[in-house]
C-alpha atoms as a PDB file:
ATOM      1  CA  MET A   1      -0.152  -0.066  -0.072  1.00  0.00           C
ATOM      2  CA  ASN A   2       1.426   3.622  -1.018  1.00  0.00           C
ATOM      3  CA  ALA A   3       1.526   6.644   0.984  1.00  0.00           C
ATOM      4  CA  ARG A   4      -1.527   8.030  -1.440  1.00  0.00           C
ATOM      5  CA  HIS A   5      -3.490   5.347  -0.898  1.00  0.00           C
ATOM      6  CA  ALA A   6      -2.797   4.935   3.014  1.00  0.00           C
ATOM      7  CA  ALA A   7      -3.662   8.569   3.144  1.00  0.00           C
ATOM      8  CA  ALA A   8      -7.002   7.642   1.379  1.00  0.00           C
ATOM      9  CA  ILE A   9      -7.777   5.403   3.943  1.00  0.00           C
ATOM     10  CA  LEU A  10      -7.374   7.362   6.529  1.00  0.00           C
ATOM     11  CA  ALA A  11      -9.920  10.176   5.610  1.00  0.00           C
ATOM     12  CA  ALA A  12     -12.198   7.553   4.647  1.00  0.00           C
ATOM     13  CA  LEU A  13     -12.350   6.497   8.446  1.00  0.00           C
ATOM     14  CA  ALA A  14     -12.264   9.959   9.699  1.00  0.00           C
ATOM     15  CA  ALA A  15     -14.785  11.022   7.560  1.00  0.00           C
ATOM     16  CA  GLY A  16     -16.902   7.752   9.018  1.00  0.00           C
ATOM     17  CA  VAL A  17     -16.383   8.675  12.588  1.00  0.00           C
ATOM     18  CA  ALA A  18     -17.569  11.760  12.342  1.00  0.00           C
ATOM     19  CA  HIS A  19     -20.318  11.043   9.717  1.00  0.00           C
ATOM     20  CA  ALA A  20     -21.116   8.212  13.466  1.00  0.00           C
ATOM     21  CA  GLN A  21     -20.771  11.204  15.754  1.00  0.00           C
ATOM     22  CA  SER A  22     -23.019  13.753  14.433  1.00  0.00           C
ATOM     23  CA  THR A  23     -25.652  11.069  12.455  1.00  0.00           C
ATOM     24  CA  PRO A  24     -26.305   8.428  14.881  1.00  0.00           C
ATOM     25  CA  ALA A  25     -29.393   6.720  12.772  1.00  0.00           C
ATOM     26  CA  PRO A  26     -27.963   3.819  10.963  1.00  0.00           C
ATOM     27  CA  ALA A  27     -26.900   4.531   7.102  1.00  0.00           C
ATOM     28  CA  SER A  28     -29.358   4.736   5.040  1.00  0.00           C
ATOM     29  CA  ALA A  29     -29.638   2.020   2.157  1.00  0.00           C
ATOM     30  CA  SER A  30     -28.077   3.811  -0.621  1.00  0.00           C
ATOM     31  CA  SER A  31     -24.508   4.414   1.186  1.00  0.00           C
ATOM     32  CA  LYS A  32     -24.354   0.656   1.855  1.00  0.00           C
ATOM     33  CA  PRO A  33     -21.555  -0.600  -0.276  1.00  0.00           C
ATOM     34  CA  ARG A  34     -22.610  -2.893  -3.374  1.00  0.00           C
ATOM     35  CA  THR A  35     -23.100  -6.239  -3.950  1.00  0.00           C
ATOM     36  CA  THR A  36     -21.695  -8.568  -7.067  1.00  0.00           C
ATOM     37  CA  SER A  37     -25.253  -8.816  -8.101  1.00  0.00           C
ATOM     38  CA  GLU A  38     -25.138  -5.054  -7.367  1.00  0.00           C
ATOM     39  CA  VAL A  39     -23.227  -3.515  -9.564  1.00  0.00           C
ATOM     40  CA  LEU A  40     -23.801  -5.951 -12.331  1.00  0.00           C
ATOM     41  CA  ALA A  41     -27.349  -5.083 -12.519  1.00  0.00           C
ATOM     42  CA  ALA A  42     -25.898  -1.148 -12.058  1.00  0.00           C
ATOM     43  CA  THR A  43     -23.572  -1.503 -15.804  1.00  0.00           C
ATOM     44  CA  THR A  44     -24.174  -0.071 -18.860  1.00  0.00           C
ATOM     45  CA  ALA A  45     -23.581  -1.300 -22.690  1.00  0.00           C
ATOM     46  CA  ALA A  46     -20.792   0.410 -22.258  1.00  0.00           C
ATOM     47  CA  ASP A  47     -19.446  -1.629 -19.633  1.00  0.00           C
ATOM     48  CA  TRP A  48     -19.806  -4.882 -22.022  1.00  0.00           C
ATOM     49  CA  ARG A  49     -17.980  -6.325 -24.828  1.00  0.00           C
ATOM     50  CA  GLN A  50     -18.999  -8.373 -28.246  1.00  0.00           C
ATOM     51  CA  LEU A  51     -16.714 -11.715 -28.808  1.00  0.00           C
ATOM     52  CA  ASP A  52     -14.550 -11.133 -31.716  1.00  0.00           C
ATOM     53  CA  PRO A  53     -15.728 -13.705 -34.063  1.00  0.00           C
ATOM     54  CA  GLU A  54     -11.966 -14.244 -35.436  1.00  0.00           C
ATOM     55  CA  ASN A  55     -11.472 -15.283 -31.759  1.00  0.00           C
ATOM     56  CA  THR A  56     -13.758 -16.837 -30.296  1.00  0.00           C
ATOM     57  CA  LEU A  57     -14.235 -21.314 -30.792  1.00  0.00           C
ATOM     58  CA  TYR A  58     -17.639 -23.390 -30.586  1.00  0.00           C
ATOM     59  CA  LEU A  59     -16.577 -26.730 -28.879  1.00  0.00           C
ATOM     60  CA  GLN A  60     -19.693 -29.253 -29.757  1.00  0.00           C
ATOM     61  CA  LEU A  61     -20.238 -31.556 -27.448  1.00  0.00           C
ATOM     62  CA  PRO A  62     -22.821 -34.700 -26.818  1.00  0.00           C
ATOM     63  CA  ALA A  63     -24.591 -32.625 -24.206  1.00  0.00           C
ATOM     64  CA  GLY A  64     -24.259 -29.138 -25.738  1.00  0.00           C
ATOM     65  CA  ARG A  65     -21.799 -26.090 -26.704  1.00  0.00           C
ATOM     66  CA  VAL A  66     -18.836 -24.825 -24.880  1.00  0.00           C
ATOM     67  CA  VAL A  67     -17.525 -21.108 -25.394  1.00  0.00           C
ATOM     68  CA  ILE A  68     -14.056 -20.865 -26.016  1.00  0.00           C
ATOM     69  CA  GLU A  69     -12.356 -17.197 -26.576  1.00  0.00           C
ATOM     70  CA  LEU A  70      -9.126 -16.773 -27.502  1.00  0.00           C
ATOM     71  CA  ALA A  71      -6.281 -14.787 -26.377  1.00  0.00           C
ATOM     72  CA  PRO A  72      -4.690 -13.184 -29.372  1.00  0.00           C
ATOM     73  CA  ALA A  73      -2.342 -10.953 -27.371  1.00  0.00           C
ATOM     74  CA  PHE A  74      -0.663 -13.202 -25.627  1.00  0.00           C
ATOM     75  CA  ALA A  75      -0.675 -16.276 -27.693  1.00  0.00           C
ATOM     76  CA  PRO A  76      -0.710 -15.135 -31.365  1.00  0.00           C
ATOM     77  CA  LEU A  77       1.209 -17.901 -33.011  1.00  0.00           C
ATOM     78  CA  HIS A  78      -0.630 -20.460 -31.402  1.00  0.00           C
ATOM     79  CA  GLY A  79      -3.893 -19.352 -32.697  1.00  0.00           C
ATOM     80  CA  ALA A  80      -2.939 -19.231 -35.435  1.00  0.00           C
ATOM     81  CA  ASN A  81      -2.271 -22.643 -35.455  1.00  0.00           C
ATOM     82  CA  LEU A  82      -5.208 -23.461 -33.912  1.00  0.00           C
ATOM     83  CA  ARG A  83      -7.484 -21.790 -36.464  1.00  0.00           C
ATOM     84  CA  THR A  84      -5.481 -23.426 -39.395  1.00  0.00           C
ATOM     85  CA  LEU A  85      -6.358 -27.065 -37.186  1.00  0.00           C
ATOM     86  CA  VAL A  86      -9.930 -25.638 -36.583  1.00  0.00           C
ATOM     87  CA  ARG A  87     -10.659 -24.910 -40.146  1.00  0.00           C
ATOM     88  CA  GLN A  88      -9.218 -28.460 -41.073  1.00  0.00           C
ATOM     89  CA  LYS A  89     -12.003 -30.047 -39.140  1.00  0.00           C
ATOM     90  CA  TYR A  90      -9.124 -31.319 -37.411  1.00  0.00           C
ATOM     91  CA  PHE A  91     -10.915 -32.227 -33.842  1.00  0.00           C
ATOM     92  CA  ASP A  92     -14.055 -33.219 -36.093  1.00  0.00           C
ATOM     93  CA  GLY A  93     -14.548 -36.933 -34.072  1.00  0.00           C
ATOM     94  CA  LEU A  94     -11.734 -36.693 -31.584  1.00  0.00           C
ATOM     95  CA  ALA A  95     -12.399 -36.967 -27.851  1.00  0.00           C
ATOM     96  CA  ILE A  96     -11.837 -35.729 -24.558  1.00  0.00           C
ATOM     97  CA  ILE A  97      -9.275 -38.183 -23.039  1.00  0.00           C
ATOM     98  CA  ARG A  98      -8.612 -37.299 -19.342  1.00  0.00           C
ATOM     99  CA  SER A  99     -11.024 -35.989 -16.540  1.00  0.00           C
ATOM    100  CA  GLN A 100      -8.670 -35.067 -13.554  1.00  0.00           C
ATOM    101  CA  ASP A 101     -10.223 -34.299 -10.211  1.00  0.00           C
ATOM    102  CA  ASN A 102      -9.701 -30.738  -9.559  1.00  0.00           C
ATOM    103  CA  PHE A 103      -6.896 -30.411 -12.160  1.00  0.00           C
ATOM    104  CA  VAL A 104      -7.567 -30.244 -15.904  1.00  0.00           C
ATOM    105  CA  VAL A 105     -10.030 -31.603 -18.484  1.00  0.00           C
ATOM    106  CA  GLN A 106      -7.952 -32.711 -21.613  1.00  0.00           C
ATOM    107  CA  TRP A 107      -8.962 -33.536 -25.021  1.00  0.00           C
ATOM    108  CA  GLY A 108      -7.041 -34.544 -28.798  1.00  0.00           C
ATOM    109  CA  ASP A 109      -6.305 -37.263 -30.299  1.00  0.00           C
ATOM    110  CA  PRO A 110      -7.280 -40.977 -28.744  1.00  0.00           C
ATOM    111  CA  ALA A 111      -5.104 -42.756 -30.917  1.00  0.00           C
ATOM    112  CA  GLU A 112      -1.817 -40.396 -29.939  1.00  0.00           C
ATOM    113  CA  LYS A 113      -1.282 -38.199 -33.046  1.00  0.00           C
ATOM    114  CA  SER A 114      -2.305 -40.773 -35.408  1.00  0.00           C
ATOM    115  CA  ARG A 115      -4.614 -37.961 -37.318  1.00  0.00           C
ATOM    116  CA  PRO A 116      -2.179 -35.853 -39.778  1.00  0.00           C
ATOM    117  CA  LEU A 117      -1.893 -31.837 -39.097  1.00  0.00           C
ATOM    118  CA  GLY A 118      -2.132 -31.126 -42.532  1.00  0.00           C
ATOM    119  CA  ALA A 119      -1.197 -27.543 -42.764  1.00  0.00           C
ATOM    120  CA  ALA A 120      -0.834 -26.818 -39.006  1.00  0.00           C
ATOM    121  CA  GLN A 121       2.462 -26.695 -37.881  1.00  0.00           C
ATOM    122  CA  ALA A 122       4.122 -29.519 -36.178  1.00  0.00           C
ATOM    123  CA  LYS A 123       5.741 -26.880 -33.584  1.00  0.00           C
ATOM    124  CA  VAL A 124       5.145 -23.767 -32.448  1.00  0.00           C
ATOM    125  CA  PRO A 125       7.637 -21.539 -30.502  1.00  0.00           C
ATOM    126  CA  PRO A 126       6.493 -21.115 -26.606  1.00  0.00           C
ATOM    127  CA  GLU A 127       4.546 -18.231 -25.987  1.00  0.00           C
ATOM    128  CA  PHE A 128       4.321 -18.491 -21.959  1.00  0.00           C
ATOM    129  CA  THR A 129       5.302 -14.819 -21.761  1.00  0.00           C
ATOM    130  CA  VAL A 130       5.020 -11.744 -23.874  1.00  0.00           C
ATOM    131  CA  ARG A 131       6.979  -8.630 -23.764  1.00  0.00           C
ATOM    132  CA  LEU A 132       4.868  -5.630 -21.954  1.00  0.00           C
ATOM    133  CA  GLY A 133       3.869  -2.703 -24.167  1.00  0.00           C
ATOM    134  CA  PRO A 134       0.804  -0.951 -25.145  1.00  0.00           C
ATOM    135  CA  ALA A 135      -0.809  -4.106 -26.910  1.00  0.00           C
ATOM    136  CA  ILE A 136      -0.743  -5.476 -23.204  1.00  0.00           C
ATOM    137  CA  PRO A 137      -2.827  -2.273 -21.441  1.00  0.00           C
ATOM    138  CA  PHE A 138      -2.550  -4.465 -18.003  1.00  0.00           C
ATOM    139  CA  GLU A 139      -5.856  -3.172 -15.255  1.00  0.00           C
ATOM    140  CA  PRO A 140      -3.915  -4.243 -12.079  1.00  0.00           C
ATOM    141  CA  ILE A 141      -5.643  -5.530  -9.013  1.00  0.00           C
ATOM    142  CA  PRO A 142      -4.706  -3.992  -5.319  1.00  0.00           C
ATOM    143  CA  ASP A 143      -4.026  -7.235  -3.548  1.00  0.00           C
ATOM    144  CA  ARG A 144      -0.257  -9.412  -3.578  1.00  0.00           C
ATOM    145  CA  ASP A 145      -0.007 -12.397  -5.236  1.00  0.00           C
ATOM    146  CA  GLY A 146       2.188 -15.290  -4.316  1.00  0.00           C
ATOM    147  CA  TYR A 147       3.056 -16.117  -7.812  1.00  0.00           C
ATOM    148  CA  ALA A 148       3.660 -12.712  -9.642  1.00  0.00           C
ATOM    149  CA  PRO A 149       4.656  -9.159  -8.615  1.00  0.00           C
ATOM    150  CA  GLU A 150       1.395  -8.316  -9.945  1.00  0.00           C
ATOM    151  CA  VAL A 151      -1.889  -9.829 -11.018  1.00  0.00           C
ATOM    152  CA  GLY A 152      -4.749  -7.765 -12.770  1.00  0.00           C
ATOM    153  CA  PHE A 153      -6.487  -7.928 -15.992  1.00  0.00           C
ATOM    154  CA  VAL A 154      -5.578  -7.780 -19.542  1.00  0.00           C
ATOM    155  CA  GLN A 155      -8.838  -7.613 -22.024  1.00  0.00           C
ATOM    156  CA  GLY A 156     -10.787  -9.746 -20.544  1.00  0.00           C
ATOM    157  CA  PHE A 157      -8.247 -12.018 -19.092  1.00  0.00           C
ATOM    158  CA  PRO A 158      -7.121 -12.726 -15.967  1.00  0.00           C
ATOM    159  CA  ALA A 159      -2.849 -12.197 -16.061  1.00  0.00           C
ATOM    160  CA  ALA A 160      -0.138 -11.313 -14.181  1.00  0.00           C
ATOM    161  CA  ARG A 161       3.457  -9.120 -14.788  1.00  0.00           C
ATOM    162  CA  ASP A 162       6.767  -8.511 -13.301  1.00  0.00           C
ATOM    163  CA  THR A 163       8.067  -4.549 -15.043  1.00  0.00           C
ATOM    164  CA  THR A 164      11.271  -5.480 -13.924  1.00  0.00           C
ATOM    165  CA  ARG A 165      11.590  -8.503 -16.430  1.00  0.00           C
ATOM    166  CA  GLY A 166       9.148  -6.656 -18.900  1.00  0.00           C
ATOM    167  CA  GLU A 167       7.037  -9.406 -18.981  1.00  0.00           C
ATOM    168  CA  ALA A 168       3.592 -10.480 -18.690  1.00  0.00           C
ATOM    169  CA  TRP A 169       1.840 -13.618 -18.610  1.00  0.00           C
ATOM    170  CA  LEU A 170      -2.019 -15.404 -18.693  1.00  0.00           C
ATOM    171  CA  THR A 171      -2.990 -17.171 -15.272  1.00  0.00           C
ATOM    172  CA  HIS A 172      -4.494 -20.213 -14.652  1.00  0.00           C
ATOM    173  CA  CYS A 173      -7.370 -19.814 -13.389  1.00  0.00           C
ATOM    174  CA  TYR A 174     -10.849 -21.742 -13.333  1.00  0.00           C
ATOM    175  CA  GLY A 175     -11.750 -22.118 -16.738  1.00  0.00           C
ATOM    176  CA  MET A 176      -8.316 -21.245 -18.719  1.00  0.00           C
ATOM    177  CA  VAL A 177      -7.529 -23.130 -21.813  1.00  0.00           C
ATOM    178  CA  GLY A 178      -4.193 -24.533 -22.292  1.00  0.00           C
ATOM    179  CA  ALA A 179      -2.071 -25.893 -25.443  1.00  0.00           C
ATOM    180  CA  GLY A 180      -0.570 -29.245 -23.755  1.00  0.00           C
ATOM    181  CA  ARG A 181       2.707 -30.135 -24.177  1.00  0.00           C
ATOM    182  CA  GLY A 182       5.828 -32.570 -23.952  1.00  0.00           C
ATOM    183  CA  ASN A 183       9.041 -31.765 -22.045  1.00  0.00           C
ATOM    184  CA  GLU A 184       9.726 -29.386 -25.580  1.00  0.00           C
ATOM    185  CA  PRO A 185       9.083 -25.989 -24.798  1.00  0.00           C
ATOM    186  CA  ASP A 186       7.986 -25.817 -28.297  1.00  0.00           C
ATOM    187  CA  SER A 187       5.485 -29.065 -28.402  1.00  0.00           C
ATOM    188  CA  GLY A 188       2.590 -27.748 -27.887  1.00  0.00           C
ATOM    189  CA  ASN A 189       1.081 -27.275 -31.087  1.00  0.00           C
ATOM    190  CA  GLY A 190      -2.668 -26.788 -30.010  1.00  0.00           C
ATOM    191  CA  SER A 191      -3.639 -30.106 -31.266  1.00  0.00           C
ATOM    192  CA  GLU A 192      -4.366 -31.364 -27.387  1.00  0.00           C
ATOM    193  CA  LEU A 193      -5.880 -28.707 -25.248  1.00  0.00           C
ATOM    194  CA  TYR A 194      -6.762 -28.920 -21.778  1.00  0.00           C
ATOM    195  CA  VAL A 195      -9.101 -26.505 -19.574  1.00  0.00           C
ATOM    196  CA  VAL A 196      -8.500 -25.882 -16.209  1.00  0.00           C
ATOM    197  CA  THR A 197     -11.468 -27.462 -13.898  1.00  0.00           C
ATOM    198  CA  GLY A 198     -10.387 -27.654 -10.647  1.00  0.00           C
ATOM    199  CA  HIS A 199      -7.996 -25.384  -7.967  1.00  0.00           C
ATOM    200  CA  ALA A 200      -6.090 -22.590  -9.732  1.00  0.00           C
ATOM    201  CA  PRO A 201      -3.026 -24.718 -10.727  1.00  0.00           C
ATOM    202  CA  ARG A 202      -0.601 -21.558 -10.631  1.00  0.00           C
ATOM    203  CA  GLN A 203       2.633 -23.749 -10.539  1.00  0.00           C
ATOM    204  CA  LEU A 204       1.981 -23.659 -14.497  1.00  0.00           C
ATOM    205  CA  ASP A 205       2.558 -20.180 -15.142  1.00  0.00           C
ATOM    206  CA  ARG A 206       4.597 -19.022 -17.514  1.00  0.00           C
ATOM    207  CA  ASN A 207       5.397 -22.950 -17.959  1.00  0.00           C
ATOM    208  CA  ILE A 208       2.950 -23.622 -20.435  1.00  0.00           C
ATOM    209  CA  ALA A 209       1.199 -21.579 -23.749  1.00  0.00           C
ATOM    210  CA  LEU A 210      -2.232 -20.425 -22.312  1.00  0.00           C
ATOM    211  CA  VAL A 211      -4.518 -19.858 -25.211  1.00  0.00           C
ATOM    212  CA  GLY A 212      -7.570 -18.456 -23.986  1.00  0.00           C
ATOM    213  CA  ARG A 213     -10.847 -18.739 -21.720  1.00  0.00           C
ATOM    214  CA  VAL A 214     -14.076 -20.855 -21.832  1.00  0.00           C
ATOM    215  CA  VAL A 215     -16.769 -18.085 -21.988  1.00  0.00           C
ATOM    216  CA  GLN A 216     -19.936 -20.264 -21.669  1.00  0.00           C
ATOM    217  CA  GLY A 217     -19.965 -24.016 -20.787  1.00  0.00           C
ATOM    218  CA  MET A 218     -17.711 -24.738 -18.093  1.00  0.00           C
ATOM    219  CA  GLU A 219     -20.198 -26.632 -16.639  1.00  0.00           C
ATOM    220  CA  LEU A 220     -20.523 -29.607 -19.651  1.00  0.00           C
ATOM    221  CA  LEU A 221     -16.776 -29.942 -18.753  1.00  0.00           C
ATOM    222  CA  SER A 222     -16.031 -29.536 -14.894  1.00  0.00           C
ATOM    223  CA  THR A 223     -19.125 -32.497 -14.558  1.00  0.00           C
ATOM    224  CA  LEU A 224     -17.422 -34.759 -16.443  1.00  0.00           C
ATOM    225  CA  PRO A 225     -16.592 -38.193 -15.020  1.00  0.00           C
ATOM    226  CA  ARG A 226     -13.376 -38.915 -13.506  1.00  0.00           C
ATOM    227  CA  GLY A 227     -11.132 -40.799 -15.231  1.00  0.00           C
ATOM    228  CA  SER A 228      -9.373 -43.695 -12.971  1.00  0.00           C
ATOM    229  CA  GLY A 229      -6.225 -43.834 -15.235  1.00  0.00           C
ATOM    230  CA  PRO A 230      -3.022 -41.963 -13.809  1.00  0.00           C
ATOM    231  CA  LEU A 231      -3.380 -38.413 -14.250  1.00  0.00           C
ATOM    232  CA  GLY A 232      -6.944 -39.220 -14.415  1.00  0.00           C
ATOM    233  CA  PHE A 233      -6.544 -40.549 -18.394  1.00  0.00           C
ATOM    234  CA  TYR A 234      -9.806 -42.518 -19.310  1.00  0.00           C
ATOM    235  CA  GLU A 235      -8.515 -45.933 -19.124  1.00  0.00           C
ATOM    236  CA  ARG A 236     -11.155 -47.779 -21.643  1.00  0.00           C
ATOM    237  CA  PRO A 237     -12.665 -46.336 -25.290  1.00  0.00           C
ATOM    238  CA  GLU A 238     -15.836 -45.912 -24.200  1.00  0.00           C
ATOM    239  CA  GLN A 239     -15.207 -43.627 -21.660  1.00  0.00           C
ATOM    240  CA  HIS A 240     -14.030 -41.174 -24.275  1.00  0.00           C
ATOM    241  CA  VAL A 241     -16.524 -37.637 -24.685  1.00  0.00           C
ATOM    242  CA  PRO A 242     -16.475 -37.547 -28.400  1.00  0.00           C
ATOM    243  CA  LEU A 243     -16.004 -33.597 -29.890  1.00  0.00           C
ATOM    244  CA  THR A 244     -18.744 -33.675 -32.665  1.00  0.00           C
ATOM    245  CA  SER A 245     -17.153 -30.581 -33.504  1.00  0.00           C
ATOM    246  CA  ILE A 246     -15.313 -27.068 -33.258  1.00  0.00           C
ATOM    247  CA  ARG A 247     -15.618 -24.158 -35.322  1.00  0.00           C
ATOM    248  CA  LEU A 248     -14.289 -21.090 -35.313  1.00  0.00           C
ATOM    249  CA  VAL A 249     -17.156 -18.311 -35.224  1.00  0.00           C
ATOM    250  CA  ALA A 250     -16.483 -16.173 -38.207  1.00  0.00           C
ATOM    251  CA  ASP A 251     -16.841 -18.966 -40.375  1.00  0.00           C
ATOM    252  CA  LEU A 252     -20.343 -19.893 -39.367  1.00  0.00           C
ATOM    253  CA  PRO A 253     -23.942 -17.951 -40.606  1.00  0.00           C
ATOM    254  CA  ALA A 254     -25.219 -15.257 -38.247  1.00  0.00           C
ATOM    255  CA  ALA A 255     -28.128 -17.536 -37.387  1.00  0.00           C
ATOM    256  CA  GLU A 256     -26.116 -19.767 -35.935  1.00  0.00           C
ATOM    257  CA  ARG A 257     -24.110 -17.824 -33.574  1.00  0.00           C
ATOM    258  CA  VAL A 258     -24.363 -17.029 -29.840  1.00  0.00           C
ATOM    259  CA  PRO A 259     -24.937 -13.572 -29.346  1.00  0.00           C
ATOM    260  CA  LEU A 260     -22.843 -13.071 -26.021  1.00  0.00           C
ATOM    261  CA  GLU A 261     -21.099  -9.777 -24.393  1.00  0.00           C
ATOM    262  CA  VAL A 262     -18.260  -9.843 -21.688  1.00  0.00           C
ATOM    263  CA  LEU A 263     -18.104  -7.740 -18.686  1.00  0.00           C
ATOM    264  CA  ARG A 264     -15.144  -6.153 -19.868  1.00  0.00           C
ATOM    265  CA  THR A 265     -12.434  -5.634 -17.177  1.00  0.00           C
ATOM    266  CA  ASP A 266     -11.045  -1.603 -17.701  1.00  0.00           C
ATOM    267  CA  THR A 267     -14.281   0.595 -16.682  1.00  0.00           C
ATOM    268  CA  ALA A 268     -15.313   1.408 -13.482  1.00  0.00           C
ATOM    269  CA  SER A 269     -18.218  -1.019 -13.218  1.00  0.00           C
ATOM    270  CA  PHE A 270     -15.207  -3.937 -13.075  1.00  0.00           C
ATOM    271  CA  ARG A 271     -13.124  -2.198 -10.273  1.00  0.00           C
ATOM    272  CA  ALA A 272     -16.014  -1.971  -8.125  1.00  0.00           C
ATOM    273  CA  LEU A 273     -16.799  -5.649  -9.315  1.00  0.00           C
ATOM    274  CA  VAL A 274     -13.570  -6.408  -8.022  1.00  0.00           C
ATOM    275  CA  GLU A 275     -13.627  -4.121  -4.734  1.00  0.00           C
ATOM    276  CA  ALA A 276     -17.106  -6.277  -3.918  1.00  0.00           C
ATOM    277  CA  ARG A 277     -15.598  -9.421  -4.509  1.00  0.00           C
ATOM    278  CA  ARG A 278     -12.990  -8.146  -1.926  1.00  0.00           C
ATOM    279  CA  ASN A 279     -15.126  -6.945   1.055  1.00  0.00           C
ATOM    280  CA  ARG A 280     -17.944  -9.188   0.512  1.00  0.00           C
ATOM    281  CA  ARG A 281     -20.678  -7.578   2.028  1.00  0.00           C
ATOM    282  CA  ASP A 282     -23.694  -9.523   1.245  1.00  0.00           C
ATOM    283  CA  ASP A 283     -25.336  -9.363   4.425  1.00  0.00           C
ATOM    284  CA  TRP A 284     -24.486 -13.383   5.260  1.00  0.00           C
ATOM    285  CA  TYR A 285     -20.302 -12.171   5.548  1.00  0.00           C
ATOM    286  CA  LEU A 286     -19.528 -11.179   8.905  1.00  0.00           C
ATOM    287  CA  VAL A 287     -15.486 -10.376   8.417  1.00  0.00           C
ATOM    288  CA  PRO A 288     -15.095  -8.906   4.951  1.00  0.00           C
ATOM    289  CA  ALA A 289     -11.994 -10.427   3.904  1.00  0.00           C
ATOM    290  CA  GLY A 290     -10.262  -7.393   2.257  1.00  0.00           C
ATOM    291  CA  HIS A 291      -8.272  -9.295  -0.271  1.00  0.00           C
ATOM    292  CA  VAL A 292      -9.174 -10.983  -3.004  1.00  0.00           C
ATOM    293  CA  ASP A 293      -7.304 -13.829  -5.916  1.00  0.00           C
ATOM    294  CA  ILE A 294      -7.308 -13.071  -9.182  1.00  0.00           C
ATOM    295  CA  CYS A 295      -8.806 -16.438 -10.052  1.00  0.00           C
ATOM    296  CA  ASN A 296     -11.772 -15.197  -7.934  1.00  0.00           C
ATOM    297  CA  ILE A 297     -12.999 -12.207  -9.708  1.00  0.00           C
ATOM    298  CA  PRO A 298     -15.486 -13.513 -12.429  1.00  0.00           C
ATOM    299  CA  ILE A 299     -15.569 -12.593 -15.905  1.00  0.00           C
ATOM    300  CA  VAL A 300     -19.641 -12.166 -16.226  1.00  0.00           C
ATOM    301  CA  ALA A 301     -20.268 -13.480 -19.988  1.00  0.00           C
ATOM    302  CA  ARG A 302     -24.014 -12.625 -20.465  1.00  0.00           C
ATOM    303  CA  THR A 303     -26.876 -12.582 -23.023  1.00  0.00           C
ATOM    304  CA  PRO A 304     -27.562  -9.167 -24.409  1.00  0.00           C
ATOM    305  CA  PRO A 305     -30.437  -7.359 -23.066  1.00  0.00           C
END
């Protein structure tokens, strides 16, 4: 906390004491700090953004559709390779092959890469971090983090940065999508993807390329039966969950697109939401925490009203 922050808090406390001394009556409802739901209810159209069709994927499962937003500012090469794979219909008919409790769900080729990659690259340079610059408009949160000098949001994605190294990276929060790889840093080409379905495995940050996040449909992944094999892999073919298809929204007619908006993370409304999550003042809470983890701040999606 810097001196300006401390002074502001002391001033606010002093104002609160003076108010209490001069006005013994209870605070009015209008002065009560807003809850998360109240912050969201007060948003305007300017607080929301539409998904970019060129960076949005529809993963179709037998049980329904999962919407994934890609993160081109952090993984442009993986994103390009992934678009190539999708447009070649590489994933159609493959399967979810792994569901590890409190960790990840993963999909790919059950026959271990027997399907040709076509025009896609077999190896993609590591995109574990990016250089800080104008393309990375970082919106920090005020709380400390155990895995990075600073955490916050970049264009709707949870992220971290180290200004001394001039680097930023995405964080492994619930719903984030990554490109599985082997021991070689350049072996993750997007043909196998995983989604975080458990407690944030932040130890993976800067060790693997995160390519996006699930915007809608997480319940279709997080509730899948857990695999009984090592690391949650399914041991029998009948356990695999088939991938009906993965499509890039830009390639679909308007009638087949889902009208979704995502809450912007660079607005006063979002900063109010962060504060509401830091200090839960719902009637149920007795002690506001005064702190929030980057992965406990929701990035809300909605159907436009």
